[in-house]
Each structure stands twice: as C-alpha cells, then as structure tokens.
Amino acid sequence: MNRMPALWAAAYGSQTPRLRRYLARRAVHLAAFIKALALADHRPFMSL
C-alpha cells in the first residue's frame, strides 16, 4: 500500500495520543482494504 505520510506518522508515531493512534491505524487498514478490493476487480480469475 502507498503510505500516506501524515496518517502514517499519526498511526505509528510515539508522540501521538493513544486514541488518535488507534483511529489512524484503523484508517490505514481501511485504506489498504479498499485498495485491495479495488484491485480484486482487475485481476483475472481462472477456474479449472
């Protein structure tokens, strides 16, 4: 996944409050899920 610098720093920085870190990590994971879902439509599916 392409990292979003501001969100990444908030999610994994040590100076960020705990709730903000948690919410930023959820946003990073949600963005990764959405990207994977979008890519799933463009991958060929082959069945035998």
Protein backbone atom coordinates (compact mmCIF):
# COMPACT_ATOMS: atom_id res chain seq x y z
CA MET A 1 0.00 0.00 0.00
CA ASN A 2 1.12 3.53 -0.65
CA ARG A 3 1.78 5.17 2.67
CA MET A 4 0.09 8.45 3.49
CA PRO A 5 2.81 10.38 5.39
CA ALA A 6 0.58 12.39 7.74
CA LEU A 7 -1.69 9.46 8.54
CA TRP A 8 1.24 7.07 8.87
CA ALA A 9 3.02 9.41 11.29
CA ALA A 10 -0.14 9.74 13.37
CA ALA A 11 -0.72 5.99 13.39
CA TYR A 12 2.77 4.92 14.35
CA GLY A 13 4.34 7.98 15.98
CA SER A 14 5.22 7.79 19.65
CA GLN A 15 4.12 11.36 20.47
CA THR A 16 0.53 10.86 19.29
CA PRO A 17 -2.23 10.29 21.88
CA ARG A 18 -3.41 6.70 22.13
CA LEU A 19 -6.94 7.26 20.77
CA ARG A 20 -5.66 9.23 17.78
CA ARG A 21 -3.09 6.49 17.05
CA TYR A 22 -5.82 3.84 17.20
CA LEU A 23 -8.10 5.76 14.85
CA ALA A 24 -5.24 6.49 12.44
CA ARG A 25 -4.28 2.80 12.35
CA ARG A 26 -7.87 1.85 11.61
CA ALA A 27 -7.87 4.40 8.76
CA VAL A 28 -4.61 2.96 7.37
CA HIS A 29 -6.06 -0.56 7.48
CA LEU A 30 -9.32 0.60 5.91
CA ALA A 31 -7.41 2.29 3.08
CA ALA A 32 -5.44 -0.93 2.47
CA PHE A 33 -8.68 -2.94 2.39
CA ILE A 34 -10.31 -0.54 -0.06
CA LYS A 35 -7.25 -0.67 -2.31
CA ALA A 36 -7.21 -4.48 -2.23
CA LEU A 37 -10.93 -4.56 -3.01
CA ALA A 38 -10.45 -2.23 -5.97
CA LEU A 39 -7.56 -4.33 -7.30
CA ALA A 40 -9.58 -7.53 -6.96
CA ASP A 41 -11.85 -6.40 -9.80
CA HIS A 42 -8.87 -6.11 -12.14
CA ARG A 43 -7.20 -9.44 -11.51
CA PRO A 44 -8.11 -12.25 -13.87
CA PHE A 45 -9.89 -15.19 -12.28
CA MET A 46 -9.25 -18.61 -13.72
CA SER A 47 -11.19 -21.70 -12.83
CA LEU A 48 -10.31 -25.21 -13.96
